């Protein structure tokens, strides 16, 4: 039977050469202001971000953008625009996709029969919860589907 680690290792092999998206970290500085700085890259597979040596859960996803002066109908829209500007100030290109506030997942805990973020073992089968209210589905099928979507197959 495959472990989560085996399935993720196989996914990395299948994704070689596929496009990645950027990872960012929030930084606060009195002199440089709030910004989001580059922290690597990952393949975006739905609720998972697969790196060369780990797996993360997705959280906030944004596109870097220059700050522009405009009126906002909601404070949430103003806050979102500020987050996009923080990514731009941190060195991301205009329009570049950036993942922020991601969490490192413990694959060893999952393989030991436990859970970490959206990953869990159910009746010995590595599984993933594809949405906060969604059911756990087998990780193998989830990865197959997400990789096919990413590769345009």
N, C-alpha and C. Protein backbone atom coordinates (compact mmCIF):
# COMPACT_ATOMS: atom_id res chain seq x y z
N UNK A 1 0.84 -1.18 0.00
CA UNK A 1 0.00 0.00 0.00
C UNK A 1 0.89 1.25 0.00
N UNK A 2 0.47 2.27 -0.72
CA UNK A 2 1.22 3.51 -0.82
C UNK A 2 1.04 4.36 0.42
N UNK A 3 2.11 5.05 0.79
CA UNK A 3 2.03 6.03 1.87
C UNK A 3 1.84 7.41 1.24
N UNK A 4 1.49 8.38 2.06
CA UNK A 4 1.36 9.75 1.56
C UNK A 4 2.70 10.22 1.02
N UNK A 5 3.78 9.88 1.70
CA UNK A 5 5.11 10.26 1.23
C UNK A 5 5.40 9.68 -0.15
N UNK A 6 5.04 8.40 -0.38
CA UNK A 6 5.24 7.78 -1.70
C UNK A 6 4.44 8.51 -2.78
N UNK A 7 3.18 8.82 -2.47
CA UNK A 7 2.32 9.49 -3.45
C UNK A 7 2.83 10.89 -3.78
N UNK A 8 3.31 11.61 -2.78
CA UNK A 8 3.83 12.96 -3.01
C UNK A 8 5.15 12.93 -3.77
N UNK A 9 5.99 11.94 -3.48
CA UNK A 9 7.25 11.79 -4.21
C UNK A 9 6.96 11.51 -5.69
N UNK A 10 6.00 10.63 -5.96
CA UNK A 10 5.61 10.32 -7.34
C UNK A 10 5.05 11.57 -8.03
N UNK A 11 4.27 12.36 -7.30
CA UNK A 11 3.70 13.59 -7.87
C UNK A 11 4.81 14.56 -8.29
N UNK A 12 5.84 14.68 -7.46
CA UNK A 12 6.96 15.57 -7.80
C UNK A 12 7.61 15.13 -9.11
N UNK A 13 7.79 13.84 -9.28
CA UNK A 13 8.40 13.31 -10.51
C UNK A 13 7.53 13.65 -11.71
N UNK A 14 6.22 13.45 -11.57
CA UNK A 14 5.29 13.72 -12.67
C UNK A 14 5.20 15.20 -13.00
N UNK A 15 5.47 16.05 -12.01
CA UNK A 15 5.33 17.50 -12.21
C UNK A 15 6.61 18.18 -12.68
N UNK A 16 7.70 17.43 -12.83
CA UNK A 16 8.97 18.02 -13.26
C UNK A 16 8.74 18.84 -14.53
N UNK A 17 9.14 20.08 -14.49
CA UNK A 17 8.98 20.95 -15.65
C UNK A 17 7.65 21.69 -15.71
N UNK A 18 6.71 21.34 -14.84
CA UNK A 18 5.41 22.02 -14.82
C UNK A 18 5.56 23.38 -14.14
N UNK A 19 4.69 24.33 -14.47
CA UNK A 19 4.80 25.67 -13.87
C UNK A 19 4.55 25.64 -12.36
N UNK A 20 5.27 26.51 -11.68
CA UNK A 20 5.13 26.66 -10.23
C UNK A 20 4.60 28.05 -9.92
N UNK A 21 4.13 28.20 -8.71
CA UNK A 21 3.69 29.51 -8.23
C UNK A 21 4.54 29.89 -7.04
N UNK A 22 4.61 31.18 -6.75
CA UNK A 22 5.49 31.70 -5.72
C UNK A 22 4.91 31.57 -4.32
N UNK A 23 5.81 31.39 -3.36
CA UNK A 23 5.46 31.40 -1.94
C UNK A 23 5.97 32.70 -1.36
N UNK A 24 5.20 33.30 -0.48
CA UNK A 24 5.61 34.55 0.15
C UNK A 24 5.46 34.50 1.66
N UNK A 25 6.26 35.32 2.33
CA UNK A 25 6.20 35.48 3.78
C UNK A 25 5.99 36.94 4.13
N UNK A 26 5.14 37.19 5.09
CA UNK A 26 4.88 38.55 5.56
C UNK A 26 6.09 39.06 6.35
N UNK A 27 6.52 40.28 6.05
CA UNK A 27 7.61 40.93 6.78
C UNK A 27 7.14 42.33 7.17
N UNK A 28 7.49 42.73 8.38
CA UNK A 28 7.14 44.06 8.86
C UNK A 28 8.43 44.79 9.22
N UNK A 29 8.54 46.02 8.77
CA UNK A 29 9.71 46.82 9.05
C UNK A 29 9.29 48.27 9.24
N UNK A 30 9.84 48.88 10.26
CA UNK A 30 9.52 50.28 10.52
C UNK A 30 10.01 51.17 9.38
N UNK A 31 11.13 50.77 8.76
CA UNK A 31 11.72 51.59 7.71
C UNK A 31 11.24 51.24 6.32
N UNK A 32 11.00 49.97 6.06
CA UNK A 32 10.61 49.56 4.70
C UNK A 32 9.11 49.32 4.57
N UNK A 33 8.37 49.35 5.66
CA UNK A 33 6.94 49.13 5.62
C UNK A 33 6.60 47.64 5.51
N UNK A 34 5.33 47.33 5.62
CA UNK A 34 4.89 45.94 5.49
C UNK A 34 5.07 45.49 4.05
N UNK A 35 5.55 44.27 3.91
CA UNK A 35 5.74 43.72 2.56
C UNK A 35 5.68 42.21 2.64
N UNK A 36 5.51 41.59 1.50
CA UNK A 36 5.52 40.13 1.38
C UNK A 36 6.74 39.79 0.55
N UNK A 37 7.63 38.95 1.11
CA UNK A 37 8.88 38.62 0.44
C UNK A 37 8.87 37.18 -0.06
N UNK A 38 9.69 36.93 -1.05
CA UNK A 38 9.77 35.62 -1.69
C UNK A 38 10.31 34.57 -0.72
N UNK A 39 9.67 33.38 -0.73
CA UNK A 39 10.09 32.28 0.16
C UNK A 39 10.15 30.96 -0.59
N UNK A 40 10.27 31.01 -1.91
CA UNK A 40 10.36 29.78 -2.69
C UNK A 40 9.23 29.65 -3.68
N UNK A 41 9.03 28.42 -4.14
CA UNK A 41 7.96 28.16 -5.12
C UNK A 41 7.40 26.77 -4.89
N UNK A 42 6.22 26.54 -5.44
CA UNK A 42 5.55 25.24 -5.26
C UNK A 42 4.59 25.01 -6.40
N UNK A 43 4.26 23.73 -6.61
CA UNK A 43 3.19 23.40 -7.53
C UNK A 43 1.89 23.53 -6.76
N UNK A 44 0.93 24.24 -7.33
CA UNK A 44 -0.37 24.45 -6.68
C UNK A 44 -1.31 23.34 -7.10
N UNK A 45 -1.66 22.49 -6.14
CA UNK A 45 -2.54 21.35 -6.39
C UNK A 45 -3.77 21.46 -5.50
N UNK A 46 -4.63 22.42 -5.80
CA UNK A 46 -5.85 22.59 -5.00
C UNK A 46 -5.53 23.09 -3.60
N UNK A 47 -5.83 22.28 -2.58
CA UNK A 47 -5.58 22.68 -1.20
C UNK A 47 -4.15 22.41 -0.77
N UNK A 48 -3.34 21.86 -1.67
CA UNK A 48 -1.96 21.54 -1.35
C UNK A 48 -0.99 22.35 -2.21
N UNK A 49 0.15 22.67 -1.62
CA UNK A 49 1.27 23.27 -2.33
C UNK A 49 2.43 22.31 -2.18
N UNK A 50 2.87 21.75 -3.29
CA UNK A 50 3.93 20.74 -3.26
C UNK A 50 5.26 21.39 -3.60
N UNK A 51 6.22 21.33 -2.66
CA UNK A 51 7.55 21.87 -2.88
C UNK A 51 8.49 20.72 -3.20
N UNK A 52 9.76 21.04 -3.45
CA UNK A 52 10.74 20.00 -3.77
C UNK A 52 10.91 19.00 -2.64
N UNK A 53 10.71 19.43 -1.41
CA UNK A 53 10.97 18.53 -0.28
C UNK A 53 9.89 18.54 0.80
N UNK A 54 8.73 19.09 0.50
CA UNK A 54 7.67 19.14 1.49
C UNK A 54 6.32 19.39 0.86
N UNK A 55 5.33 19.51 1.72
CA UNK A 55 3.97 19.82 1.28
C UNK A 55 3.38 20.83 2.26
N UNK A 56 2.66 21.80 1.71
CA UNK A 56 2.07 22.89 2.48
C UNK A 56 0.57 22.93 2.22
N UNK A 57 -0.17 23.52 3.13
CA UNK A 57 -1.59 23.76 2.87
C UNK A 57 -1.75 25.18 2.33
N UNK A 58 -2.67 25.36 1.41
CA UNK A 58 -2.90 26.69 0.86
C UNK A 58 -3.65 27.54 1.87
N UNK A 59 -3.54 28.83 1.72
CA UNK A 59 -4.27 29.77 2.56
C UNK A 59 -4.66 30.96 1.68
N UNK A 60 -3.96 32.08 1.83
CA UNK A 60 -4.26 33.27 1.05
C UNK A 60 -3.53 33.21 -0.28
N UNK A 61 -4.25 33.48 -1.36
CA UNK A 61 -3.67 33.52 -2.69
C UNK A 61 -3.97 34.89 -3.27
N UNK A 62 -2.93 35.57 -3.78
CA UNK A 62 -3.15 36.90 -4.35
C UNK A 62 -2.25 37.11 -5.55
N UNK A 63 -2.52 38.18 -6.28
CA UNK A 63 -1.67 38.59 -7.40
C UNK A 63 -1.03 39.92 -7.03
N UNK A 64 0.29 39.98 -7.17
CA UNK A 64 1.01 41.21 -6.86
C UNK A 64 0.53 42.32 -7.79
N UNK A 65 0.37 43.52 -7.23
CA UNK A 65 -0.10 44.65 -8.04
C UNK A 65 0.38 45.95 -7.44
N UNK A 66 0.67 46.90 -8.31
CA UNK A 66 1.04 48.24 -7.87
C UNK A 66 -0.14 48.87 -7.14
N UNK A 67 0.16 49.63 -6.10
CA UNK A 67 -0.95 50.33 -5.43
C UNK A 67 -1.52 51.40 -6.35
N UNK A 68 -2.82 51.49 -6.38
CA UNK A 68 -3.49 52.54 -7.15
C UNK A 68 -4.51 53.21 -6.26
N UNK A 69 -4.76 54.45 -6.52
CA UNK A 69 -5.73 55.20 -5.73
C UNK A 69 -7.11 55.00 -6.37
N UNK A 70 -8.00 54.47 -5.58
CA UNK A 70 -9.37 54.28 -6.08
C UNK A 70 -10.32 54.20 -4.90
N UNK A 71 -11.58 54.33 -5.18
CA UNK A 71 -12.59 54.19 -4.14
C UNK A 71 -12.97 52.72 -3.99
N UNK A 72 -13.26 52.33 -2.78
CA UNK A 72 -13.65 50.94 -2.52
C UNK A 72 -15.02 50.91 -1.88
N UNK A 73 -15.83 49.98 -2.31
CA UNK A 73 -17.16 49.83 -1.74
C UNK A 73 -17.11 49.12 -0.39
N UNK A 74 -16.02 48.41 -0.13
CA UNK A 74 -15.91 47.66 1.12
C UNK A 74 -14.48 47.73 1.66
N UNK A 75 -14.38 47.70 2.97
CA UNK A 75 -13.05 47.69 3.59
C UNK A 75 -12.27 46.45 3.21
N UNK A 76 -12.96 45.34 2.97
CA UNK A 76 -12.26 44.10 2.60
C UNK A 76 -11.56 44.27 1.25
N UNK A 77 -12.16 45.01 0.33
CA UNK A 77 -11.54 45.25 -0.97
C UNK A 77 -10.30 46.13 -0.80
N UNK A 78 -10.37 47.10 0.09
CA UNK A 78 -9.22 47.97 0.36
C UNK A 78 -8.08 47.14 0.98
N UNK A 79 -8.41 46.26 1.91
CA UNK A 79 -7.40 45.42 2.56
C UNK A 79 -6.76 44.47 1.55
N UNK A 80 -7.56 43.93 0.66
CA UNK A 80 -7.03 43.01 -0.36
C UNK A 80 -6.07 43.76 -1.30
N UNK A 81 -6.42 44.97 -1.69
CA UNK A 81 -5.55 45.77 -2.55
C UNK A 81 -4.24 46.08 -1.84
N UNK A 82 -4.31 46.32 -0.54
CA UNK A 82 -3.08 46.59 0.22
C UNK A 82 -2.20 45.34 0.27
N UNK A 83 -2.79 44.15 0.40
CA UNK A 83 -2.02 42.90 0.40
C UNK A 83 -1.33 42.71 -0.95
N UNK A 84 -2.02 43.00 -2.04
CA UNK A 84 -1.41 42.89 -3.38
C UNK A 84 -0.24 43.85 -3.51
N UNK A 85 -0.41 45.07 -2.96
CA UNK A 85 0.67 46.06 -3.01
C UNK A 85 1.86 45.63 -2.14
N UNK A 86 1.60 44.97 -1.01
CA UNK A 86 2.69 44.47 -0.16
C UNK A 86 3.53 43.45 -0.92
N UNK A 87 2.88 42.60 -1.70
CA UNK A 87 3.62 41.62 -2.51
C UNK A 87 4.46 42.34 -3.55
N UNK A 88 3.93 43.35 -4.17
CA UNK A 88 4.67 44.10 -5.19
C UNK A 88 5.88 44.79 -4.55
N UNK A 89 5.68 45.39 -3.36
CA UNK A 89 6.80 46.04 -2.64
C UNK A 89 7.85 45.02 -2.23
N UNK A 90 7.45 43.78 -2.03
CA UNK A 90 8.38 42.73 -1.63
C UNK A 90 9.18 42.15 -2.77
N UNK A 91 8.92 42.60 -4.00
CA UNK A 91 9.73 42.17 -5.13
C UNK A 91 9.05 41.25 -6.13
N UNK A 92 7.78 40.98 -5.95
CA UNK A 92 7.07 40.13 -6.91
C UNK A 92 6.67 40.96 -8.13
N UNK A 93 6.68 40.33 -9.28
CA UNK A 93 6.33 41.01 -10.53
C UNK A 93 4.84 41.32 -10.56
N UNK A 94 4.49 42.35 -11.29
CA UNK A 94 3.09 42.72 -11.48
C UNK A 94 2.31 41.51 -12.01
N UNK A 95 1.24 41.14 -11.32
CA UNK A 95 0.38 40.04 -11.74
C UNK A 95 0.84 38.66 -11.30
N UNK A 96 2.02 38.57 -10.69
CA UNK A 96 2.55 37.26 -10.24
C UNK A 96 1.68 36.70 -9.11
N UNK A 97 1.35 35.41 -9.21
CA UNK A 97 0.56 34.74 -8.17
C UNK A 97 1.47 34.45 -6.97
N UNK A 98 0.97 34.79 -5.78
CA UNK A 98 1.74 34.60 -4.55
C UNK A 98 0.85 33.90 -3.51
N UNK A 99 1.39 32.86 -2.89
CA UNK A 99 0.70 32.15 -1.81
C UNK A 99 1.30 32.63 -0.49
N UNK A 100 0.43 33.08 0.42
CA UNK A 100 0.86 33.61 1.70
C UNK A 100 0.10 32.88 2.82
N UNK A 101 0.68 32.83 3.99
CA UNK A 101 0.06 32.24 5.19
C UNK A 101 -0.14 30.73 5.08
N UNK A 102 0.62 30.08 4.21
CA UNK A 102 0.56 28.63 4.07
C UNK A 102 1.13 27.99 5.33
N UNK A 103 0.79 26.73 5.53
CA UNK A 103 1.26 25.97 6.69
C UNK A 103 1.98 24.71 6.22
N UNK A 104 3.11 24.41 6.86
CA UNK A 104 3.85 23.18 6.55
C UNK A 104 3.07 21.99 7.14
N UNK A 105 2.89 20.95 6.33
CA UNK A 105 2.17 19.76 6.77
C UNK A 105 3.16 18.66 7.16
N UNK A 106 2.77 17.85 8.12
CA UNK A 106 3.60 16.77 8.64
C UNK A 106 3.20 15.45 7.99
N UNK A 107 3.88 15.10 6.91
CA UNK A 107 3.56 13.89 6.16
C UNK A 107 3.85 12.64 6.99
N UNK A 108 4.89 12.69 7.82
CA UNK A 108 5.22 11.55 8.67
C UNK A 108 4.07 11.24 9.64
N UNK A 109 3.43 12.28 10.17
CA UNK A 109 2.29 12.07 11.07
C UNK A 109 1.13 11.42 10.33
N UNK A 110 0.92 11.83 9.10
CA UNK A 110 -0.15 11.24 8.28
C UNK A 110 0.16 9.77 8.01
N UNK A 111 1.40 9.48 7.65
CA UNK A 111 1.79 8.10 7.38
C UNK A 111 1.75 7.21 8.63
N UNK A 112 1.82 7.85 9.80
CA UNK A 112 1.72 7.10 11.06
C UNK A 112 0.27 6.88 11.47
N UNK A 113 -0.68 7.32 10.62
CA UNK A 113 -2.09 7.10 10.90
C UNK A 113 -2.83 8.31 11.42
N UNK A 114 -2.14 9.45 11.48
CA UNK A 114 -2.74 10.66 12.00
C UNK A 114 -3.21 11.60 10.90
N UNK A 115 -3.18 12.89 11.25
CA UNK A 115 -3.62 13.92 10.32
C UNK A 115 -2.72 15.14 10.46
N UNK A 116 -2.68 15.94 9.41
CA UNK A 116 -1.97 17.21 9.41
C UNK A 116 -2.65 18.10 8.37
N UNK A 117 -3.28 19.16 8.83
CA UNK A 117 -4.01 20.04 7.92
C UNK A 117 -5.06 19.26 7.17
N UNK A 118 -5.11 19.40 5.84
CA UNK A 118 -6.13 18.68 5.06
C UNK A 118 -5.77 17.22 4.80
N UNK A 119 -4.58 16.78 5.20
CA UNK A 119 -4.17 15.39 4.97
C UNK A 119 -4.50 14.52 6.18
N UNK A 120 -4.93 13.29 5.94
CA UNK A 120 -5.23 12.34 7.00
C UNK A 120 -5.16 10.93 6.44
N UNK A 121 -5.02 9.98 7.33
CA UNK A 121 -5.11 8.57 6.94
C UNK A 121 -6.46 8.05 7.40
N UNK A 122 -7.22 7.48 6.48
CA UNK A 122 -8.54 6.93 6.78
C UNK A 122 -8.53 5.45 6.40
N UNK A 123 -8.69 4.59 7.38
CA UNK A 123 -8.66 3.14 7.15
C UNK A 123 -7.42 2.72 6.38
N UNK A 124 -6.29 3.32 6.72
CA UNK A 124 -5.02 2.98 6.09
C UNK A 124 -4.77 3.63 4.74
N UNK A 125 -5.68 4.48 4.28
CA UNK A 125 -5.56 5.13 2.96
C UNK A 125 -5.24 6.61 3.15
N UNK A 126 -4.10 7.07 2.60
CA UNK A 126 -3.81 8.51 2.67
C UNK A 126 -4.90 9.28 1.94
N UNK A 127 -5.44 10.30 2.62
CA UNK A 127 -6.58 11.03 2.08
C UNK A 127 -6.38 12.53 2.26
N UNK A 128 -7.21 13.28 1.56
CA UNK A 128 -7.14 14.75 1.62
C UNK A 128 -8.56 15.30 1.69
N UNK A 129 -8.72 16.34 2.50
CA UNK A 129 -10.01 17.06 2.57
C UNK A 129 -9.89 18.22 1.58
N UNK A 130 -10.62 18.14 0.47
CA UNK A 130 -10.46 19.08 -0.64
C UNK A 130 -11.08 20.45 -0.39
N UNK A 131 -11.91 20.59 0.66
CA UNK A 131 -12.44 21.89 1.06
C UNK A 131 -12.78 21.81 2.54
N UNK A 132 -12.86 22.95 3.24
CA UNK A 132 -13.12 22.90 4.68
C UNK A 132 -14.37 22.08 5.05
N UNK A 133 -15.39 22.14 4.25
CA UNK A 133 -16.61 21.38 4.53
C UNK A 133 -16.71 20.10 3.73
N UNK A 134 -15.70 19.81 2.93
CA UNK A 134 -15.74 18.65 2.05
C UNK A 134 -15.33 17.36 2.76
N UNK A 135 -15.62 16.29 2.10
CA UNK A 135 -15.28 14.97 2.62
C UNK A 135 -13.81 14.66 2.33
N UNK A 136 -13.28 13.71 3.07
CA UNK A 136 -11.94 13.20 2.77
C UNK A 136 -12.03 12.28 1.57
N UNK A 137 -11.12 12.46 0.62
CA UNK A 137 -11.06 11.61 -0.57
C UNK A 137 -9.65 11.02 -0.66
N UNK A 138 -9.51 9.87 -1.31
CA UNK A 138 -8.17 9.27 -1.43
C UNK A 138 -7.18 10.23 -2.10
N UNK A 139 -6.01 10.34 -1.51
CA UNK A 139 -4.98 11.26 -1.99
C UNK A 139 -4.52 10.89 -3.40
N UNK A 140 -4.43 9.61 -3.71
CA UNK A 140 -3.97 9.18 -5.03
C UNK A 140 -4.84 9.77 -6.14
N UNK A 141 -6.14 9.60 -6.06
CA UNK A 141 -7.05 10.13 -7.08
C UNK A 141 -7.04 11.64 -7.13
N UNK A 142 -6.97 12.27 -5.96
CA UNK A 142 -6.93 13.73 -5.89
C UNK A 142 -5.69 14.26 -6.61
N UNK A 143 -4.53 13.66 -6.34
CA UNK A 143 -3.30 14.10 -7.01
C UNK A 143 -3.36 13.84 -8.51
N UNK A 144 -3.88 12.68 -8.92
CA UNK A 144 -4.01 12.39 -10.35
C UNK A 144 -4.82 13.46 -11.05
N UNK A 145 -5.95 13.84 -10.45
CA UNK A 145 -6.83 14.85 -11.06
C UNK A 145 -6.16 16.22 -11.10
N UNK A 146 -5.56 16.62 -10.00
CA UNK A 146 -4.93 17.93 -9.94
C UNK A 146 -3.72 18.04 -10.86
N UNK A 147 -2.94 16.99 -10.95
CA UNK A 147 -1.79 17.01 -11.84
C UNK A 147 -2.24 17.08 -13.30
N UNK A 148 -3.28 16.34 -13.64
CA UNK A 148 -3.82 16.40 -15.01
C UNK A 148 -4.29 17.82 -15.34
N UNK A 149 -4.95 18.47 -14.39
CA UNK A 149 -5.41 19.85 -14.61
C UNK A 149 -4.22 20.80 -14.79
N UNK A 150 -3.20 20.64 -13.96
CA UNK A 150 -2.04 21.52 -14.05
C UNK A 150 -1.28 21.33 -15.35
N UNK A 151 -1.18 20.08 -15.79
CA UNK A 151 -0.43 19.78 -17.02
C UNK A 151 -1.27 20.00 -18.28
N UNK A 152 -2.56 20.27 -18.10
CA UNK A 152 -3.44 20.50 -19.24
C UNK A 152 -3.74 19.23 -20.02
N UNK A 153 -3.65 18.09 -19.33
CA UNK A 153 -3.90 16.80 -20.01
C UNK A 153 -5.37 16.49 -20.09
